[in-house]
PDB file of all heavy atoms in Angstrom:
ATOM      1  N   ASN A   1      12.443  16.973   6.807  1.00  0.00           N
ATOM      2  CA  ASN A   1      12.231  16.777   5.375  1.00  0.00           C
ATOM      3  C   ASN A   1      11.573  17.992   4.737  1.00  0.00           C
ATOM      4  O   ASN A   1      11.918  18.391   3.616  1.00  0.00           O
ATOM      5  CB  ASN A   1      11.358  15.541   5.135  1.00  0.00           C
ATOM      6  CG  ASN A   1      12.097  14.246   5.366  1.00  0.00           C
ATOM      7  OD1 ASN A   1      13.327  14.198   5.313  1.00  0.00           O
ATOM      8  ND2 ASN A   1      11.357  13.168   5.626  1.00  0.00           N
ATOM      9  N   VAL A   2      10.612  18.571   5.445  1.00  0.00           N
ATOM     10  CA  VAL A   2       9.920  19.753   4.924  1.00  0.00           C
ATOM     11  C   VAL A   2      10.879  20.926   4.797  1.00  0.00           C
ATOM     12  O   VAL A   2      10.899  21.620   3.778  1.00  0.00           O
ATOM     13  CB  VAL A   2       8.715  20.108   5.824  1.00  0.00           C
ATOM     14  CG1 VAL A   2       8.194  21.507   5.507  1.00  0.00           C
ATOM     15  CG2 VAL A   2       7.600  19.085   5.645  1.00  0.00           C
ATOM     16  N   ILE A   3      11.681  21.162   5.828  1.00  0.00           N
ATOM     17  CA  ILE A   3      12.649  22.253   5.767  1.00  0.00           C
ATOM     18  C   ILE A   3      13.575  22.080   4.571  1.00  0.00           C
ATOM     19  O   ILE A   3      13.778  23.001   3.763  1.00  0.00           O
ATOM     20  CB  ILE A   3      13.487  22.316   7.070  1.00  0.00           C
ATOM     21  CG1 ILE A   3      12.622  22.773   8.242  1.00  0.00           C
ATOM     22  CG2 ILE A   3      14.672  23.285   6.899  1.00  0.00           C
ATOM     23  CD1 ILE A   3      13.368  22.803   9.558  1.00  0.00           C
ATOM     24  N   LYS A   4      14.125  20.885   4.439  1.00  0.00           N
ATOM     25  CA  LYS A   4      15.059  20.622   3.346  1.00  0.00           C
ATOM     26  C   LYS A   4      14.393  20.794   1.985  1.00  0.00           C
ATOM     27  O   LYS A   4      14.981  21.380   1.056  1.00  0.00           O
ATOM     28  CB  LYS A   4      15.630  19.216   3.486  1.00  0.00           C
ATOM     29  CG  LYS A   4      16.715  18.886   2.460  1.00  0.00           C
ATOM     30  CD  LYS A   4      17.313  17.510   2.723  1.00  0.00           C
ATOM     31  CE  LYS A   4      18.406  17.184   1.714  1.00  0.00           C
ATOM     32  NZ  LYS A   4      19.011  15.848   1.985  1.00  0.00           N
ATOM     33  N   TYR A   5      13.164  20.312   1.850  1.00  0.00           N
ATOM     34  CA  TYR A   5      12.492  20.386   0.551  1.00  0.00           C
ATOM     35  C   TYR A   5      12.076  21.812   0.208  1.00  0.00           C
ATOM     36  O   TYR A   5      12.093  22.212  -0.957  1.00  0.00           O
ATOM     37  CB  TYR A   5      11.279  19.458   0.538  1.00  0.00           C
ATOM     38  CG  TYR A   5      10.890  19.017  -0.855  1.00  0.00           C
ATOM     39  CD1 TYR A   5      11.763  18.239  -1.621  1.00  0.00           C
ATOM     40  CD2 TYR A   5       9.668  19.372  -1.407  1.00  0.00           C
ATOM     41  CE1 TYR A   5      11.418  17.830  -2.895  1.00  0.00           C
ATOM     42  CE2 TYR A   5       9.317  18.973  -2.677  1.00  0.00           C
ATOM     43  CZ  TYR A   5      10.196  18.205  -3.423  1.00  0.00           C
ATOM     44  OH  TYR A   5       9.858  17.813  -4.691  1.00  0.00           O
ATOM     45  N   LEU A   6      11.704  22.579   1.213  1.00  0.00           N
ATOM     46  CA  LEU A   6      11.379  23.985   0.953  1.00  0.00           C
ATOM     47  C   LEU A   6      12.587  24.730   0.402  1.00  0.00           C
ATOM     48  O   LEU A   6      12.466  25.543  -0.517  1.00  0.00           O
ATOM     49  CB  LEU A   6      10.875  24.658   2.232  1.00  0.00           C
ATOM     50  CG  LEU A   6       9.450  24.320   2.657  1.00  0.00           C
ATOM     51  CD1 LEU A   6       9.141  24.918   4.024  1.00  0.00           C
ATOM     52  CD2 LEU A   6       8.433  24.817   1.623  1.00  0.00           C
ATOM     53  N   TYR A   7      13.754  24.450   0.965  1.00  0.00           N
ATOM     54  CA  TYR A   7      14.967  25.077   0.424  1.00  0.00           C
ATOM     55  C   TYR A   7      15.304  24.511  -0.953  1.00  0.00           C
ATOM     56  O   TYR A   7      15.673  25.262  -1.860  1.00  0.00           O
ATOM     57  CB  TYR A   7      16.142  24.866   1.377  1.00  0.00           C
ATOM     58  CG  TYR A   7      16.147  25.790   2.560  1.00  0.00           C
ATOM     59  CD1 TYR A   7      16.138  25.294   3.859  1.00  0.00           C
ATOM     60  CD2 TYR A   7      16.160  27.171   2.385  1.00  0.00           C
ATOM     61  CE1 TYR A   7      16.142  26.147   4.949  1.00  0.00           C
ATOM     62  CE2 TYR A   7      16.154  28.021   3.473  1.00  0.00           C
ATOM     63  CZ  TYR A   7      16.147  27.500   4.751  1.00  0.00           C
ATOM     64  OH  TYR A   7      16.149  28.348   5.836  1.00  0.00           O
ATOM     65  N   THR A   8      15.168  23.219  -1.117  1.00  0.00           N
ATOM     66  CA  THR A   8      15.498  22.601  -2.399  1.00  0.00           C
ATOM     67  C   THR A   8      14.651  23.173  -3.532  1.00  0.00           C
ATOM     68  O   THR A   8      15.167  23.433  -4.630  1.00  0.00           O
ATOM     69  CB  THR A   8      15.291  21.079  -2.318  1.00  0.00           C
ATOM     70  OG1 THR A   8      16.143  20.541  -1.307  1.00  0.00           O
ATOM     71  CG2 THR A   8      15.610  20.410  -3.647  1.00  0.00           C
ATOM     72  N   CYS A   9      13.370  23.385  -3.264  1.00  0.00           N
ATOM     73  CA  CYS A   9      12.430  23.852  -4.301  1.00  0.00           C
ATOM     74  C   CYS A   9      12.155  25.348  -4.192  1.00  0.00           C
ATOM     75  O   CYS A   9      11.107  25.830  -4.644  1.00  0.00           O
ATOM     76  CB  CYS A   9      11.127  23.067  -4.203  1.00  0.00           C
ATOM     77  SG  CYS A   9      11.321  21.298  -4.427  1.00  0.00           S
ATOM     78  N   GLN A  10      13.071  26.071  -3.597  1.00  0.00           N
ATOM     79  CA  GLN A  10      12.862  27.502  -3.355  1.00  0.00           C
ATOM     80  C   GLN A  10      12.451  28.259  -4.610  1.00  0.00           C
ATOM     81  O   GLN A  10      11.524  29.076  -4.592  1.00  0.00           O
ATOM     82  CB  GLN A  10      14.141  28.106  -2.776  1.00  0.00           C
ATOM     83  CG  GLN A  10      14.040  29.564  -2.404  1.00  0.00           C
ATOM     84  CD  GLN A  10      15.389  30.131  -1.975  1.00  0.00           C
ATOM     85  OE1 GLN A  10      16.181  30.545  -2.804  1.00  0.00           O
ATOM     86  NE2 GLN A  10      15.660  30.112  -0.678  1.00  0.00           N
ATOM     87  N   ALA A  11      13.127  28.020  -5.722  1.00  0.00           N
ATOM     88  CA  ALA A  11      12.836  28.770  -6.948  1.00  0.00           C
ATOM     89  C   ALA A  11      11.424  28.516  -7.444  1.00  0.00           C
ATOM     90  O   ALA A  11      10.792  29.414  -8.023  1.00  0.00           O
ATOM     91  CB  ALA A  11      13.846  28.398  -8.035  1.00  0.00           C
ATOM     92  N   GLU A  12      10.919  27.308  -7.200  1.00  0.00           N
ATOM     93  CA  GLU A  12       9.586  26.955  -7.691  1.00  0.00           C
ATOM     94  C   GLU A  12       8.482  27.659  -6.912  1.00  0.00           C
ATOM     95  O   GLU A  12       7.644  28.348  -7.487  1.00  0.00           O
ATOM     96  CB  GLU A  12       9.392  25.436  -7.621  1.00  0.00           C
ATOM     97  CG  GLU A  12       8.038  24.987  -8.120  1.00  0.00           C
ATOM     98  CD  GLU A  12       7.862  23.479  -8.051  1.00  0.00           C
ATOM     99  OE1 GLU A  12       8.864  22.763  -7.810  1.00  0.00           O
ATOM    100  OE2 GLU A  12       6.723  23.019  -8.250  1.00  0.00           O
ATOM    101  N   TRP A  13       8.458  27.478  -5.586  1.00  0.00           N
ATOM    102  CA  TRP A  13       7.361  28.073  -4.833  1.00  0.00           C
ATOM    103  C   TRP A  13       7.510  29.578  -4.643  1.00  0.00           C
ATOM    104  O   TRP A  13       6.526  30.281  -4.398  1.00  0.00           O
ATOM    105  CB  TRP A  13       7.165  27.376  -3.482  1.00  0.00           C
ATOM    106  CG  TRP A  13       8.340  27.378  -2.543  1.00  0.00           C
ATOM    107  CD1 TRP A  13       9.206  26.358  -2.313  1.00  0.00           C
ATOM    108  CD2 TRP A  13       8.758  28.450  -1.684  1.00  0.00           C
ATOM    109  NE1 TRP A  13      10.153  26.721  -1.386  1.00  0.00           N
ATOM    110  CE2 TRP A  13       9.899  28.005  -0.979  1.00  0.00           C
ATOM    111  CE3 TRP A  13       8.296  29.741  -1.450  1.00  0.00           C
ATOM    112  CZ2 TRP A  13      10.570  28.798  -0.053  1.00  0.00           C
ATOM    113  CZ3 TRP A  13       8.951  30.547  -0.532  1.00  0.00           C
ATOM    114  CH2 TRP A  13      10.078  30.064   0.150  1.00  0.00           C
ATOM    115  N   SER A  14       8.734  30.091  -4.781  1.00  0.00           N
ATOM    116  CA  SER A  14       8.920  31.542  -4.693  1.00  0.00           C
ATOM    117  C   SER A  14       8.205  32.256  -5.839  1.00  0.00           C
ATOM    118  O   SER A  14       7.850  33.431  -5.727  1.00  0.00           O
ATOM    119  CB  SER A  14      10.415  31.892  -4.728  1.00  0.00           C
ATOM    120  OG  SER A  14      11.068  31.457  -3.561  1.00  0.00           O
ATOM    121  N   TRP A  15       8.013  31.519  -6.929  1.00  0.00           N
ATOM    122  CA  TRP A  15       7.384  32.114  -8.112  1.00  0.00           C
ATOM    123  C   TRP A  15       5.909  32.424  -7.889  1.00  0.00           C
ATOM    124  O   TRP A  15       5.402  33.468  -8.287  1.00  0.00           O
ATOM    125  CB  TRP A  15       7.546  31.159  -9.301  1.00  0.00           C
ATOM    126  CG  TRP A  15       6.944  31.644 -10.581  1.00  0.00           C
ATOM    127  CD1 TRP A  15       5.779  31.222 -11.150  1.00  0.00           C
ATOM    128  CD2 TRP A  15       7.460  32.645 -11.452  1.00  0.00           C
ATOM    129  NE1 TRP A  15       5.542  31.883 -12.322  1.00  0.00           N
ATOM    130  CE2 TRP A  15       6.557  32.777 -12.531  1.00  0.00           C
ATOM    131  CE3 TRP A  15       8.602  33.440 -11.420  1.00  0.00           C
ATOM    132  CZ2 TRP A  15       6.771  33.667 -13.583  1.00  0.00           C
ATOM    133  CZ3 TRP A  15       8.812  34.340 -12.464  1.00  0.00           C
ATOM    134  CH2 TRP A  15       7.905  34.445 -13.516  1.00  0.00           C
ATOM    135  N   ASP A  16       5.197  31.501  -7.229  1.00  0.00           N
ATOM    136  CA  ASP A  16       3.746  31.697  -7.081  1.00  0.00           C
ATOM    137  C   ASP A  16       3.236  31.540  -5.654  1.00  0.00           C
ATOM    138  O   ASP A  16       2.050  31.719  -5.396  1.00  0.00           O
ATOM    139  CB  ASP A  16       2.984  30.727  -7.989  1.00  0.00           C
ATOM    140  CG  ASP A  16       3.320  29.262  -7.706  1.00  0.00           C
ATOM    141  OD1 ASP A  16       4.010  28.990  -6.704  1.00  0.00           O
ATOM    142  OD2 ASP A  16       2.884  28.397  -8.486  1.00  0.00           O
ATOM    143  N   GLY A  17       4.128  31.216  -4.717  1.00  0.00           N
ATOM    144  CA  GLY A  17       3.716  31.071  -3.323  1.00  0.00           C
ATOM    145  C   GLY A  17       2.910  29.815  -3.035  1.00  0.00           C
ATOM    146  O   GLY A  17       2.327  29.683  -1.952  1.00  0.00           O
ATOM    147  N   ASN A  18       2.857  28.892  -3.992  1.00  0.00           N
ATOM    148  CA  ASN A  18       2.059  27.675  -3.817  1.00  0.00           C
ATOM    149  C   ASN A  18       2.883  26.614  -3.088  1.00  0.00           C
ATOM    150  O   ASN A  18       3.461  25.716  -3.707  1.00  0.00           O
ATOM    151  CB  ASN A  18       1.590  27.159  -5.176  1.00  0.00           C
ATOM    152  CG  ASN A  18       0.505  26.104  -5.048  1.00  0.00           C
ATOM    153  OD1 ASN A  18       0.363  25.461  -4.009  1.00  0.00           O
ATOM    154  ND2 ASN A  18      -0.276  25.929  -6.101  1.00  0.00           N
ATOM    155  N   ILE A  19       2.914  26.723  -1.782  1.00  0.00           N
ATOM    156  CA  ILE A  19       3.695  25.803  -0.961  1.00  0.00           C
ATOM    157  C   ILE A  19       3.063  24.415  -0.949  1.00  0.00           C
ATOM    158  O   ILE A  19       3.765  23.395  -0.983  1.00  0.00           O
ATOM    159  CB  ILE A  19       3.825  26.326   0.484  1.00  0.00           C
ATOM    160  CG1 ILE A  19       4.290  27.786   0.503  1.00  0.00           C
ATOM    161  CG2 ILE A  19       4.760  25.441   1.290  1.00  0.00           C
ATOM    162  CD1 ILE A  19       5.662  28.013  -0.013  1.00  0.00           C
ATOM    163  N   GLU A  20       1.737  24.375  -0.907  1.00  0.00           N
ATOM    164  CA  GLU A  20       1.051  23.085  -0.834  1.00  0.00           C
ATOM    165  C   GLU A  20       1.389  22.201  -2.032  1.00  0.00           C
ATOM    166  O   GLU A  20       1.600  20.993  -1.884  1.00  0.00           O
ATOM    167  CB  GLU A  20      -0.455  23.300  -0.747  1.00  0.00           C
ATOM    168  CG  GLU A  20      -1.235  22.001  -0.610  1.00  0.00           C
ATOM    169  CD  GLU A  20      -2.729  22.225  -0.482  1.00  0.00           C
ATOM    170  OE1 GLU A  20      -3.152  23.365  -0.210  1.00  0.00           O
ATOM    171  OE2 GLU A  20      -3.478  21.240  -0.664  1.00  0.00           O
ATOM    172  N   LYS A  21       1.439  22.785  -3.210  1.00  0.00           N
ATOM    173  CA  LYS A  21       1.739  22.002  -4.412  1.00  0.00           C
ATOM    174  C   LYS A  21       3.110  21.350  -4.296  1.00  0.00           C
ATOM    175  O   LYS A  21       3.293  20.183  -4.695  1.00  0.00           O
ATOM    176  CB  LYS A  21       1.702  22.909  -5.643  1.00  0.00           C
ATOM    177  CG  LYS A  21       2.031  22.196  -6.947  1.00  0.00           C
ATOM    178  CD  LYS A  21       1.986  23.150  -8.129  1.00  0.00           C
ATOM    179  CE  LYS A  21       3.140  24.147  -8.086  1.00  0.00           C
ATOM    180  NZ  LYS A  21       3.175  25.004  -9.298  1.00  0.00           N
ATOM    181  N   VAL A  22       4.071  22.075  -3.736  1.00  0.00           N
ATOM    182  CA  VAL A  22       5.422  21.549  -3.603  1.00  0.00           C
ATOM    183  C   VAL A  22       5.479  20.454  -2.541  1.00  0.00           C
ATOM    184  O   VAL A  22       6.002  19.361  -2.781  1.00  0.00           O
ATOM    185  CB  VAL A  22       6.407  22.686  -3.269  1.00  0.00           C
ATOM    186  CG1 VAL A  22       7.766  22.128  -2.890  1.00  0.00           C
ATOM    187  CG2 VAL A  22       6.536  23.641  -4.452  1.00  0.00           C
ATOM    188  N   LEU A  23       4.917  20.721  -1.371  1.00  0.00           N
ATOM    189  CA  LEU A  23       5.017  19.766  -0.266  1.00  0.00           C
ATOM    190  C   LEU A  23       4.188  18.506  -0.503  1.00  0.00           C
ATOM    191  O   LEU A  23       4.481  17.452   0.070  1.00  0.00           O
ATOM    192  CB  LEU A  23       4.601  20.426   1.052  1.00  0.00           C
ATOM    193  CG  LEU A  23       5.526  21.515   1.572  1.00  0.00           C
ATOM    194  CD1 LEU A  23       5.056  22.013   2.931  1.00  0.00           C
ATOM    195  CD2 LEU A  23       6.967  21.027   1.671  1.00  0.00           C
ATOM    196  N   SER A  24       3.152  18.608  -1.340  1.00  0.00           N
ATOM    197  CA  SER A  24       2.331  17.428  -1.614  1.00  0.00           C
ATOM    198  C   SER A  24       3.123  16.336  -2.323  1.00  0.00           C
ATOM    199  O   SER A  24       2.690  15.177  -2.375  1.00  0.00           O
ATOM    200  CB  SER A  24       1.112  17.812  -2.457  1.00  0.00           C
ATOM    201  OG  SER A  24       1.501  18.285  -3.730  1.00  0.00           O
ATOM    202  N   ARG A  25       4.293  16.676  -2.850  1.00  0.00           N
ATOM    203  CA  ARG A  25       5.128  15.678  -3.509  1.00  0.00           C
ATOM    204  C   ARG A  25       5.895  14.821  -2.508  1.00  0.00           C
ATOM    205  O   ARG A  25       6.354  13.734  -2.853  1.00  0.00           O
ATOM    206  CB  ARG A  25       6.104  16.358  -4.477  1.00  0.00           C
ATOM    207  CG  ARG A  25       5.412  17.061  -5.639  1.00  0.00           C
ATOM    208  CD  ARG A  25       6.381  17.276  -6.794  1.00  0.00           C
ATOM    209  NE  ARG A  25       7.405  18.250  -6.493  1.00  0.00           N
ATOM    210  CZ  ARG A  25       7.358  19.541  -6.847  1.00  0.00           C
ATOM    211  NH1 ARG A  25       6.310  19.999  -7.534  1.00  0.00           N
ATOM    212  NH2 ARG A  25       8.330  20.365  -6.544  1.00  0.00           N
ATOM    213  N   ILE A  26       6.082  15.295  -1.286  1.00  0.00           N
ATOM    214  CA  ILE A  26       6.831  14.515  -0.304  1.00  0.00           C
ATOM    215  C   ILE A  26       5.977  14.101   0.893  1.00  0.00           C
ATOM    216  O   ILE A  26       6.419  13.291   1.704  1.00  0.00           O
ATOM    217  CB  ILE A  26       8.079  15.280   0.206  1.00  0.00           C
ATOM    218  CG1 ILE A  26       7.678  16.576   0.936  1.00  0.00           C
ATOM    219  CG2 ILE A  26       9.043  15.560  -0.931  1.00  0.00           C
ATOM    220  CD1 ILE A  26       8.812  17.192   1.723  1.00  0.00           C
ATOM    221  N   LEU A  27       4.773  14.647   1.010  1.00  0.00           N
ATOM    222  CA  LEU A  27       3.874  14.282   2.109  1.00  0.00           C
ATOM    223  C   LEU A  27       2.705  13.482   1.567  1.00  0.00           C
ATOM    224  O   LEU A  27       2.188  13.771   0.479  1.00  0.00           O
ATOM    225  CB  LEU A  27       3.357  15.539   2.823  1.00  0.00           C
ATOM    226  CG  LEU A  27       4.388  16.447   3.496  1.00  0.00           C
ATOM    227  CD1 LEU A  27       3.700  17.643   4.146  1.00  0.00           C
ATOM    228  CD2 LEU A  27       5.209  15.679   4.533  1.00  0.00           C
ATOM    229  N   SER A  28       2.289  12.507   2.336  1.00  0.00           N
ATOM    230  CA  SER A  28       1.099  11.757   1.957  1.00  0.00           C
ATOM    231  C   SER A  28      -0.128  12.658   2.061  1.00  0.00           C
ATOM    232  O   SER A  28      -0.073  13.740   2.671  1.00  0.00           O
ATOM    233  CB  SER A  28       0.928  10.548   2.879  1.00  0.00           C
ATOM    234  OG  SER A  28       0.609  10.974   4.200  1.00  0.00           O
ATOM    235  N   ARG A  29      -1.221  12.206   1.469  1.00  0.00           N
ATOM    236  CA  ARG A  29      -2.444  13.013   1.537  1.00  0.00           C
ATOM    237  C   ARG A  29      -2.872  13.218   2.980  1.00  0.00           C
ATOM    238  O   ARG A  29      -3.287  14.317   3.373  1.00  0.00           O
ATOM    239  CB  ARG A  29      -3.560  12.326   0.751  1.00  0.00           C
ATOM    240  CG  ARG A  29      -4.872  13.111   0.751  1.00  0.00           C
ATOM    241  CD  ARG A  29      -5.920  12.432  -0.109  1.00  0.00           C
ATOM    242  NE  ARG A  29      -5.507  12.371  -1.500  1.00  0.00           N
ATOM    243  CZ  ARG A  29      -6.258  11.827  -2.463  1.00  0.00           C
ATOM    244  NH1 ARG A  29      -7.439  11.287  -2.170  1.00  0.00           N
ATOM    245  NH2 ARG A  29      -5.821  11.814  -3.712  1.00  0.00           N
ATOM    246  N   GLY A  30      -2.741  12.169   3.788  1.00  0.00           N
ATOM    247  CA  GLY A  30      -3.120  12.288   5.190  1.00  0.00           C
ATOM    248  C   GLY A  30      -2.244  13.274   5.943  1.00  0.00           C
ATOM    249  O   GLY A  30      -2.743  14.073   6.739  1.00  0.00           O
ATOM    250  N   ASP A  31      -0.943  13.215   5.703  1.00  0.00           N
ATOM    251  CA  ASP A  31      -0.033  14.146   6.370  1.00  0.00           C
ATOM    252  C   ASP A  31      -0.280  15.575   5.903  1.00  0.00           C
ATOM    253  O   ASP A  31      -0.193  16.525   6.704  1.00  0.00           O
ATOM    254  CB  ASP A  31       1.419  13.751   6.102  1.00  0.00           C
ATOM    255  CG  ASP A  31       1.863  12.566   6.950  1.00  0.00           C
ATOM    256  OD1 ASP A  31       1.130  12.204   7.893  1.00  0.00           O
ATOM    257  OD2 ASP A  31       2.942  12.003   6.671  1.00  0.00           O
ATOM    258  N   MET A  32      -0.577  15.736   4.613  1.00  0.00           N
ATOM    259  CA  MET A  32      -0.857  17.081   4.105  1.00  0.00           C
ATOM    260  C   MET A  32      -2.099  17.661   4.766  1.00  0.00           C
ATOM    261  O   MET A  32      -2.142  18.847   5.099  1.00  0.00           O
ATOM    262  CB  MET A  32      -1.038  17.021   2.588  1.00  0.00           C
ATOM    263  CG  MET A  32      -1.012  18.379   1.905  1.00  0.00           C
ATOM    264  SD  MET A  32       0.650  19.087   1.811  1.00  0.00           S
ATOM    265  CE  MET A  32       0.420  20.578   2.768  1.00  0.00           C
ATOM    266  N   GLU A  33      -3.092  16.817   4.997  1.00  0.00           N
ATOM    267  CA  GLU A  33      -4.312  17.283   5.664  1.00  0.00           C
ATOM    268  C   GLU A  33      -4.019  17.691   7.111  1.00  0.00           C
ATOM    269  O   GLU A  33      -4.579  18.667   7.613  1.00  0.00           O
ATOM    270  CB  GLU A  33      -5.387  16.200   5.618  1.00  0.00           C
ATOM    271  CG  GLU A  33      -5.987  15.973   4.246  1.00  0.00           C
ATOM    272  CD  GLU A  33      -6.604  17.237   3.659  1.00  0.00           C
ATOM    273  OE1 GLU A  33      -7.304  17.955   4.408  1.00  0.00           O
ATOM    274  OE2 GLU A  33      -6.372  17.512   2.469  1.00  0.00           O
TER     275      GLU A  33
END
């Protein structure tokens, strides 16, 4: 899921490098930690 979402949102995180902001939409708080 992470691999797919990183590619899906490539244009977004490529702009500022904020990967956590993008992945926090598909991962629970516990998984993000």
